[in-house]
């Protein structure tokens, strides 16, 4: 982030963008999870597909959590600047 630590408006904006991205990824993970479970086929290929999709879902959720964590850090920096 090339934002000077004193730029409170930019920190607030960056934090909001990061938070929105985290929420979007969470919704994508939900959607993928529901769609993978709704597919109606059975057998070993179906089991592998669901396992692979579950792994991708976990990865998306991890990235979403990390983005939310960064958004929290930016919000803390903004709060420190505002005081």
PDB file of N, CA and C in Angstrom:
ATOM      1  N   UNK A   1       0.851  -1.167   0.000  1.00  0.00           N
ATOM      2  CA  UNK A   1       0.000   0.000   0.000  1.00  0.00           C
ATOM      3  C   UNK A   1       0.896   1.228   0.000  1.00  0.00           C
ATOM      4  N   UNK A   2       0.746   2.101  -0.983  1.00  0.00           N
ATOM      5  CA  UNK A   2       1.567   3.295  -1.106  1.00  0.00           C
ATOM      6  C   UNK A   2       0.918   4.504  -0.443  1.00  0.00           C
ATOM      7  N   UNK A   3       0.031   4.260   0.477  1.00  0.00           N
ATOM      8  CA  UNK A   3      -0.689   5.346   1.140  1.00  0.00           C
ATOM      9  C   UNK A   3       0.120   5.860   2.311  1.00  0.00           C
ATOM     10  N   UNK A   4       0.334   7.173   2.368  1.00  0.00           N
ATOM     11  CA  UNK A   4       1.001   7.714   3.548  1.00  0.00           C
ATOM     12  C   UNK A   4       0.163   7.404   4.780  1.00  0.00           C
ATOM     13  N   UNK A   5       0.810   7.075   5.883  1.00  0.00           N
ATOM     14  CA  UNK A   5       0.089   6.701   7.092  1.00  0.00           C
ATOM     15  C   UNK A   5      -0.812   7.829   7.582  1.00  0.00           C
ATOM     16  N   UNK A   6      -0.532   9.042   7.190  1.00  0.00           N
ATOM     17  CA  UNK A   6      -1.338  10.180   7.615  1.00  0.00           C
ATOM     18  C   UNK A   6      -2.595  10.383   6.782  1.00  0.00           C
ATOM     19  N   UNK A   7      -2.799   9.644   5.714  1.00  0.00           N
ATOM     20  CA  UNK A   7      -3.945   9.833   4.833  1.00  0.00           C
ATOM     21  C   UNK A   7      -5.124   8.989   5.315  1.00  0.00           C
ATOM     22  N   UNK A   8      -5.880   9.573   6.226  1.00  0.00           N
ATOM     23  CA  UNK A   8      -6.972   8.865   6.883  1.00  0.00           C
ATOM     24  C   UNK A   8      -8.070   8.445   5.909  1.00  0.00           C
ATOM     25  N   UNK A   9      -8.411   9.303   4.965  1.00  0.00           N
ATOM     26  CA  UNK A   9      -9.463   8.964   3.994  1.00  0.00           C
ATOM     27  C   UNK A   9      -9.047   7.793   3.117  1.00  0.00           C
ATOM     28  N   UNK A  10      -7.788   7.775   2.716  1.00  0.00           N
ATOM     29  CA  UNK A  10      -7.297   6.678   1.882  1.00  0.00           C
ATOM     30  C   UNK A  10      -7.276   5.372   2.672  1.00  0.00           C
ATOM     31  N   UNK A  11      -6.890   5.430   3.942  1.00  0.00           N
ATOM     32  CA  UNK A  11      -6.910   4.230   4.778  1.00  0.00           C
ATOM     33  C   UNK A  11      -8.326   3.686   4.904  1.00  0.00           C
ATOM     34  N   UNK A  12      -9.271   4.563   5.134  1.00  0.00           N
ATOM     35  CA  UNK A  12     -10.672   4.152   5.248  1.00  0.00           C
ATOM     36  C   UNK A  12     -11.138   3.513   3.945  1.00  0.00           C
ATOM     37  N   UNK A  13     -10.779   4.116   2.819  1.00  0.00           N
ATOM     38  CA  UNK A  13     -11.160   3.590   1.510  1.00  0.00           C
ATOM     39  C   UNK A  13     -10.533   2.221   1.251  1.00  0.00           C
ATOM     40  N   UNK A  14      -9.239   2.085   1.532  1.00  0.00           N
ATOM     41  CA  UNK A  14      -8.556   0.804   1.337  1.00  0.00           C
ATOM     42  C   UNK A  14      -9.173  -0.282   2.225  1.00  0.00           C
ATOM     43  N   UNK A  15      -9.472   0.080   3.449  1.00  0.00           N
ATOM     44  CA  UNK A  15     -10.092  -0.876   4.367  1.00  0.00           C
ATOM     45  C   UNK A  15     -11.442  -1.344   3.861  1.00  0.00           C
ATOM     46  N   UNK A  16     -12.232  -0.420   3.339  1.00  0.00           N
ATOM     47  CA  UNK A  16     -13.551  -0.776   2.813  1.00  0.00           C
ATOM     48  C   UNK A  16     -13.430  -1.683   1.586  1.00  0.00           C
ATOM     49  N   UNK A  17     -12.468  -1.398   0.732  1.00  0.00           N
ATOM     50  CA  UNK A  17     -12.256  -2.236  -0.461  1.00  0.00           C
ATOM     51  C   UNK A  17     -11.842  -3.645  -0.043  1.00  0.00           C
ATOM     52  N   UNK A  18     -10.930  -3.748   0.905  1.00  0.00           N
ATOM     53  CA  UNK A  18     -10.483  -5.065   1.383  1.00  0.00           C
ATOM     54  C   UNK A  18     -11.630  -5.827   2.035  1.00  0.00           C
ATOM     55  N   UNK A  19     -12.419  -5.144   2.838  1.00  0.00           N
ATOM     56  CA  UNK A  19     -13.556  -5.780   3.512  1.00  0.00           C
ATOM     57  C   UNK A  19     -14.565  -6.279   2.475  1.00  0.00           C
ATOM     58  N   UNK A  20     -14.857  -5.461   1.460  1.00  0.00           N
ATOM     59  CA  UNK A  20     -15.807  -5.861   0.414  1.00  0.00           C
ATOM     60  C   UNK A  20     -15.280  -7.076  -0.360  1.00  0.00           C
ATOM     61  N   UNK A  21     -13.984  -7.086  -0.640  1.00  0.00           N
ATOM     62  CA  UNK A  21     -13.395  -8.227  -1.350  1.00  0.00           C
ATOM     63  C   UNK A  21     -13.513  -9.493  -0.512  1.00  0.00           C
ATOM     64  N   UNK A  22     -13.272  -9.382   0.788  1.00  0.00           N
ATOM     65  CA  UNK A  22     -13.396 -10.538   1.681  1.00  0.00           C
ATOM     66  C   UNK A  22     -14.834 -11.052   1.693  1.00  0.00           C
ATOM     67  N   UNK A  23     -15.789 -10.142   1.750  1.00  0.00           N
ATOM     68  CA  UNK A  23     -17.199 -10.548   1.754  1.00  0.00           C
ATOM     69  C   UNK A  23     -17.584 -11.184   0.421  1.00  0.00           C
ATOM     70  N   UNK A  24     -17.092 -10.620  -0.677  1.00  0.00           N
ATOM     71  CA  UNK A  24     -17.372 -11.204  -1.999  1.00  0.00           C
ATOM     72  C   UNK A  24     -16.825 -12.625  -2.099  1.00  0.00           C
ATOM     73  N   UNK A  25     -15.601 -12.825  -1.632  1.00  0.00           N
ATOM     74  CA  UNK A  25     -15.011 -14.165  -1.676  1.00  0.00           C
ATOM     75  C   UNK A  25     -15.795 -15.141  -0.803  1.00  0.00           C
ATOM     76  N   UNK A  26     -16.277 -14.674   0.322  1.00  0.00           N
ATOM     77  CA  UNK A  26     -17.105 -15.524   1.178  1.00  0.00           C
ATOM     78  C   UNK A  26     -18.376 -15.951   0.463  1.00  0.00           C
ATOM     79  N   UNK A  27     -18.989 -15.016  -0.263  1.00  0.00           N
ATOM     80  CA  UNK A  27     -20.198 -15.357  -1.029  1.00  0.00           C
ATOM     81  C   UNK A  27     -19.881 -16.330  -2.163  1.00  0.00           C
ATOM     82  N   UNK A  28     -18.750 -16.144  -2.822  1.00  0.00           N
ATOM     83  CA  UNK A  28     -18.338 -17.073  -3.885  1.00  0.00           C
ATOM     84  C   UNK A  28     -18.133 -18.464  -3.291  1.00  0.00           C
ATOM     85  N   UNK A  29     -17.481 -18.542  -2.149  1.00  0.00           N
ATOM     86  CA  UNK A  29     -17.259 -19.835  -1.498  1.00  0.00           C
ATOM     87  C   UNK A  29     -18.592 -20.495  -1.161  1.00  0.00           C
ATOM     88  N   UNK A  30     -19.542 -19.722  -0.635  1.00  0.00           N
ATOM     89  CA  UNK A  30     -20.871 -20.265  -0.342  1.00  0.00           C
ATOM     90  C   UNK A  30     -21.522 -20.814  -1.604  1.00  0.00           C
ATOM     91  N   UNK A  31     -21.458 -20.036  -2.659  1.00  0.00           N
ATOM     92  CA  UNK A  31     -22.087 -20.421  -3.924  1.00  0.00           C
ATOM     93  C   UNK A  31     -21.461 -21.707  -4.467  1.00  0.00           C
ATOM     94  N   UNK A  32     -20.147 -21.764  -4.468  1.00  0.00           N
ATOM     95  CA  UNK A  32     -19.453 -22.958  -4.963  1.00  0.00           C
ATOM     96  C   UNK A  32     -19.824 -24.172  -4.119  1.00  0.00           C
ATOM     97  N   UNK A  33     -19.846 -23.999  -2.810  1.00  0.00           N
ATOM     98  CA  UNK A  33     -20.195 -25.108  -1.933  1.00  0.00           C
ATOM     99  C   UNK A  33     -21.593 -25.629  -2.191  1.00  0.00           C
ATOM    100  N   UNK A  34     -22.535 -24.722  -2.332  1.00  0.00           N
ATOM    101  CA  UNK A  34     -23.926 -25.141  -2.588  1.00  0.00           C
ATOM    102  C   UNK A  34     -24.056 -25.814  -3.948  1.00  0.00           C
ATOM    103  N   UNK A  35     -23.409 -25.251  -4.939  1.00  0.00           N
ATOM    104  CA  UNK A  35     -23.498 -25.834  -6.287  1.00  0.00           C
ATOM    105  C   UNK A  35     -22.851 -27.215  -6.348  1.00  0.00           C
ATOM    106  N   UNK A  36     -21.709 -27.376  -5.704  1.00  0.00           N
ATOM    107  CA  UNK A  36     -21.028 -28.675  -5.730  1.00  0.00           C
ATOM    108  C   UNK A  36     -21.872 -29.740  -5.036  1.00  0.00           C
ATOM    109  N   UNK A  37     -22.517 -29.371  -3.953  1.00  0.00           N
ATOM    110  CA  UNK A  37     -23.349 -30.333  -3.237  1.00  0.00           C
ATOM    111  C   UNK A  37     -24.646 -30.641  -3.987  1.00  0.00           C
ATOM    112  N   UNK A  38     -25.105 -29.710  -4.800  1.00  0.00           N
ATOM    113  CA  UNK A  38     -26.369 -29.895  -5.515  1.00  0.00           C
ATOM    114  C   UNK A  38     -26.230 -30.766  -6.765  1.00  0.00           C
ATOM    115  N   UNK A  39     -25.002 -30.955  -7.235  1.00  0.00           N
ATOM    116  CA  UNK A  39     -24.794 -31.772  -8.422  1.00  0.00           C
ATOM    117  C   UNK A  39     -25.228 -33.194  -8.101  1.00  0.00           C
ATOM    118  N   UNK A  40     -26.092 -33.728  -8.951  1.00  0.00           N
ATOM    119  CA  UNK A  40     -26.646 -35.050  -8.678  1.00  0.00           C
ATOM    120  C   UNK A  40     -25.966 -36.117  -9.527  1.00  0.00           C
ATOM    121  N   UNK A  41     -24.832 -36.567  -9.072  1.00  0.00           N
ATOM    122  CA  UNK A  41     -24.209 -37.748  -9.644  1.00  0.00           C
ATOM    123  C   UNK A  41     -23.460 -38.446  -8.525  1.00  0.00           C
ATOM    124  N   UNK A  42     -23.225 -39.727  -8.713  1.00  0.00           N
ATOM    125  CA  UNK A  42     -22.687 -40.563  -7.642  1.00  0.00           C
ATOM    126  C   UNK A  42     -21.496 -41.366  -8.153  1.00  0.00           C
ATOM    127  N   UNK A  43     -20.796 -41.935  -7.217  1.00  0.00           N
ATOM    128  CA  UNK A  43     -19.667 -42.775  -7.570  1.00  0.00           C
ATOM    129  C   UNK A  43     -18.350 -42.129  -7.229  1.00  0.00           C
ATOM    130  N   UNK A  44     -17.268 -42.800  -7.577  1.00  0.00           N
ATOM    131  CA  UNK A  44     -15.927 -42.305  -7.249  1.00  0.00           C
ATOM    132  C   UNK A  44     -15.621 -40.935  -7.863  1.00  0.00           C
ATOM    133  N   UNK A  45     -16.033 -40.723  -9.094  1.00  0.00           N
ATOM    134  CA  UNK A  45     -15.771 -39.419  -9.734  1.00  0.00           C
ATOM    135  C   UNK A  45     -16.510 -38.307  -8.995  1.00  0.00           C
ATOM    136  N   UNK A  46     -17.735 -38.582  -8.587  1.00  0.00           N
ATOM    137  CA  UNK A  46     -18.519 -37.590  -7.835  1.00  0.00           C
ATOM    138  C   UNK A  46     -17.844 -37.296  -6.502  1.00  0.00           C
ATOM    139  N   UNK A  47     -17.364 -38.332  -5.838  1.00  0.00           N
ATOM    140  CA  UNK A  47     -16.674 -38.143  -4.559  1.00  0.00           C
ATOM    141  C   UNK A  47     -15.409 -37.306  -4.725  1.00  0.00           C
ATOM    142  N   UNK A  48     -14.642 -37.589  -5.783  1.00  0.00           N
ATOM    143  CA  UNK A  48     -13.421 -36.801  -6.041  1.00  0.00           C
ATOM    144  C   UNK A  48     -13.774 -35.351  -6.337  1.00  0.00           C
ATOM    145  N   UNK A  49     -14.799 -35.149  -7.166  1.00  0.00           N
ATOM    146  CA  UNK A  49     -15.232 -33.794  -7.508  1.00  0.00           C
ATOM    147  C   UNK A  49     -15.612 -33.022  -6.246  1.00  0.00           C
ATOM    148  N   UNK A  50     -16.427 -33.618  -5.404  1.00  0.00           N
ATOM    149  CA  UNK A  50     -16.865 -32.941  -4.176  1.00  0.00           C
ATOM    150  C   UNK A  50     -15.688 -32.658  -3.248  1.00  0.00           C
ATOM    151  N   UNK A  51     -14.758 -33.589  -3.157  1.00  0.00           N
ATOM    152  CA  UNK A  51     -13.578 -33.369  -2.319  1.00  0.00           C
ATOM    153  C   UNK A  51     -12.726 -32.217  -2.855  1.00  0.00           C
ATOM    154  N   UNK A  52     -12.544 -32.187  -4.179  1.00  0.00           N
ATOM    155  CA  UNK A  52     -11.771 -31.094  -4.781  1.00  0.00           C
ATOM    156  C   UNK A  52     -12.472 -29.750  -4.570  1.00  0.00           C
ATOM    157  N   UNK A  53     -13.782 -29.731  -4.715  1.00  0.00           N
ATOM    158  CA  UNK A  53     -14.516 -28.485  -4.526  1.00  0.00           C
ATOM    159  C   UNK A  53     -14.490 -28.048  -3.063  1.00  0.00           C
ATOM    160  N   UNK A  54     -14.537 -28.999  -2.153  1.00  0.00           N
ATOM    161  CA  UNK A  54     -14.451 -28.664  -0.728  1.00  0.00           C
ATOM    162  C   UNK A  54     -13.091 -28.035  -0.413  1.00  0.00           C
ATOM    163  N   UNK A  55     -12.026 -28.574  -1.018  1.00  0.00           N
ATOM    164  CA  UNK A  55     -10.695 -28.000  -0.817  1.00  0.00           C
ATOM    165  C   UNK A  55     -10.620 -26.578  -1.373  1.00  0.00           C
ATOM    166  N   UNK A  56     -11.173 -26.367  -2.541  1.00  0.00           N
ATOM    167  CA  UNK A  56     -11.175 -25.023  -3.123  1.00  0.00           C
ATOM    168  C   UNK A  56     -11.999 -24.066  -2.274  1.00  0.00           C
ATOM    169  N   UNK A  57     -13.083 -24.570  -1.728  1.00  0.00           N
ATOM    170  CA  UNK A  57     -13.925 -23.763  -0.857  1.00  0.00           C
ATOM    171  C   UNK A  57     -13.135 -23.325   0.378  1.00  0.00           C
ATOM    172  N   UNK A  58     -12.390 -24.255   0.970  1.00  0.00           N
ATOM    173  CA  UNK A  58     -11.568 -23.914   2.129  1.00  0.00           C
ATOM    174  C   UNK A  58     -10.511 -22.874   1.777  1.00  0.00           C
ATOM    175  N   UNK A  59      -9.898 -23.033   0.610  1.00  0.00           N
ATOM    176  CA  UNK A  59      -8.886 -22.048   0.180  1.00  0.00           C
ATOM    177  C   UNK A  59      -9.501 -20.665   0.030  1.00  0.00           C
ATOM    178  N   UNK A  60     -10.665 -20.601  -0.608  1.00  0.00           N
ATOM    179  CA  UNK A  60     -11.340 -19.308  -0.760  1.00  0.00           C
ATOM    180  C   UNK A  60     -11.647 -18.692   0.602  1.00  0.00           C
ATOM    181  N   UNK A  61     -12.116 -19.504   1.510  1.00  0.00           N
ATOM    182  CA  UNK A  61     -12.443 -18.997   2.850  1.00  0.00           C
ATOM    183  C   UNK A  61     -11.183 -18.509   3.584  1.00  0.00           C
ATOM    184  N   UNK A  62     -10.072 -19.203   3.395  1.00  0.00           N
ATOM    185  CA  UNK A  62      -8.814 -18.748   4.004  1.00  0.00           C
ATOM    186  C   UNK A  62      -8.397 -17.388   3.445  1.00  0.00           C
ATOM    187  N   UNK A  63      -8.473 -17.245   2.130  1.00  0.00           N
ATOM    188  CA  UNK A  63      -8.105 -15.971   1.509  1.00  0.00           C
ATOM    189  C   UNK A  63      -9.054 -14.870   1.978  1.00  0.00           C
ATOM    190  N   UNK A  64     -10.341 -15.179   2.049  1.00  0.00           N
ATOM    191  CA  UNK A  64     -11.317 -14.191   2.524  1.00  0.00           C
ATOM    192  C   UNK A  64     -10.983 -13.764   3.953  1.00  0.00           C
ATOM    193  N   UNK A  65     -10.634 -14.727   4.804  1.00  0.00           N
ATOM    194  CA  UNK A  65     -10.283 -14.411   6.194  1.00  0.00           C
ATOM    195  C   UNK A  65      -9.029 -13.542   6.251  1.00  0.00           C
ATOM    196  N   UNK A  66      -8.057 -13.852   5.414  1.00  0.00           N
ATOM    197  CA  UNK A  66      -6.831 -13.044   5.399  1.00  0.00           C
ATOM    198  C   UNK A  66      -7.109 -11.617   4.929  1.00  0.00           C
ATOM    199  N   UNK A  67      -7.950 -11.477   3.914  1.00  0.00           N
ATOM    200  CA  UNK A  67      -8.325 -10.126   3.469  1.00  0.00           C
ATOM    201  C   UNK A  67      -9.041  -9.364   4.583  1.00  0.00           C
ATOM    202  N   UNK A  68      -9.933 -10.059   5.288  1.00  0.00           N
ATOM    203  CA  UNK A  68     -10.638  -9.412   6.402  1.00  0.00           C
ATOM    204  C   UNK A  68      -9.647  -9.015   7.497  1.00  0.00           C
ATOM    205  N   UNK A  69      -8.651  -9.860   7.741  1.00  0.00           N
ATOM    206  CA  UNK A  69      -7.629  -9.522   8.739  1.00  0.00           C
ATOM    207  C   UNK A  69      -6.848  -8.270   8.332  1.00  0.00           C
ATOM    208  N   UNK A  70      -6.489  -8.195   7.068  1.00  0.00           N
ATOM    209  CA  UNK A  70      -5.774  -7.002   6.582  1.00  0.00           C
ATOM    210  C   UNK A  70      -6.678  -5.775   6.686  1.00  0.00           C
ATOM    211  N   UNK A  71      -7.960  -5.953   6.365  1.00  0.00           N
ATOM    212  CA  UNK A  71      -8.908  -4.840   6.502  1.00  0.00           C
ATOM    213  C   UNK A  71      -8.964  -4.372   7.955  1.00  0.00           C
ATOM    214  N   UNK A  72      -8.922  -5.307   8.902  1.00  0.00           N
ATOM    215  CA  UNK A  72      -8.911  -4.935  10.325  1.00  0.00           C
ATOM    216  C   UNK A  72      -7.654  -4.142  10.676  1.00  0.00           C
ATOM    217  N   UNK A  73      -6.524  -4.560  10.151  1.00  0.00           N
ATOM    218  CA  UNK A  73      -5.264  -3.844  10.409  1.00  0.00           C
ATOM    219  C   UNK A  73      -5.339  -2.424   9.856  1.00  0.00           C
ATOM    220  N   UNK A  74      -5.878  -2.302   8.654  1.00  0.00           N
ATOM    221  CA  UNK A  74      -6.018  -0.973   8.041  1.00  0.00           C
ATOM    222  C   UNK A  74      -6.988  -0.127   8.865  1.00  0.00           C
ATOM    223  N   UNK A  75      -8.078  -0.730   9.338  1.00  0.00           N
ATOM    224  CA  UNK A  75      -9.043   0.012  10.165  1.00  0.00           C
ATOM    225  C   UNK A  75      -8.394   0.488  11.461  1.00  0.00           C
ATOM    226  N   UNK A  76      -7.541  -0.349  12.043  1.00  0.00           N
ATOM    227  CA  UNK A  76      -6.828   0.064  13.255  1.00  0.00           C
ATOM    228  C   UNK A  76      -5.893   1.235  12.972  1.00  0.00           C
ATOM    229  N   UNK A  77      -5.205   1.176  11.839  1.00  0.00           N
ATOM    230  CA  UNK A  77      -4.321   2.285  11.453  1.00  0.00           C
ATOM    231  C   UNK A  77      -5.130   3.550  11.250  1.00  0.00           C
ATOM    232  N   UNK A  78      -6.304   3.413  10.626  1.00  0.00           N
ATOM    233  CA  UNK A  78      -7.178   4.572  10.426  1.00  0.00           C
ATOM    234  C   UNK A  78      -7.625   5.140  11.766  1.00  0.00           C
ATOM    235  N   UNK A  79      -8.012   4.264  12.694  1.00  0.00           N
ATOM    236  CA  UNK A  79      -8.470   4.714  14.005  1.00  0.00           C
ATOM    237  C   UNK A  79      -7.344   5.434  14.763  1.00  0.00           C
ATOM    238  N   UNK A  80      -6.125   4.926  14.644  1.00  0.00           N
ATOM    239  CA  UNK A  80      -4.988   5.566  15.308  1.00  0.00           C
ATOM    240  C   UNK A  80      -4.713   6.935  14.696  1.00  0.00           C
ATOM    241  N   UNK A  81      -4.884   7.033  13.370  1.00  0.00           N
ATOM    242  CA  UNK A  81      -4.665   8.319  12.700  1.00  0.00           C
ATOM    243  C   UNK A  81      -5.744   9.324  13.070  1.00  0.00           C
ATOM    244  N   UNK A  82      -6.966   8.818  13.238  1.00  0.00           N
ATOM    245  CA  UNK A  82      -8.085   9.714  13.499  1.00  0.00           C
ATOM    246  C   UNK A  82      -8.040  10.283  14.911  1.00  0.00           C
ATOM    247  N   UNK A  83      -7.336   9.588  15.813  1.00  0.00           N
ATOM    248  CA  UNK A  83      -7.300  10.070  17.198  1.00  0.00           C
ATOM    249  C   UNK A  83      -6.136  10.987  17.452  1.00  0.00           C
TER     250      UNK A  83
END
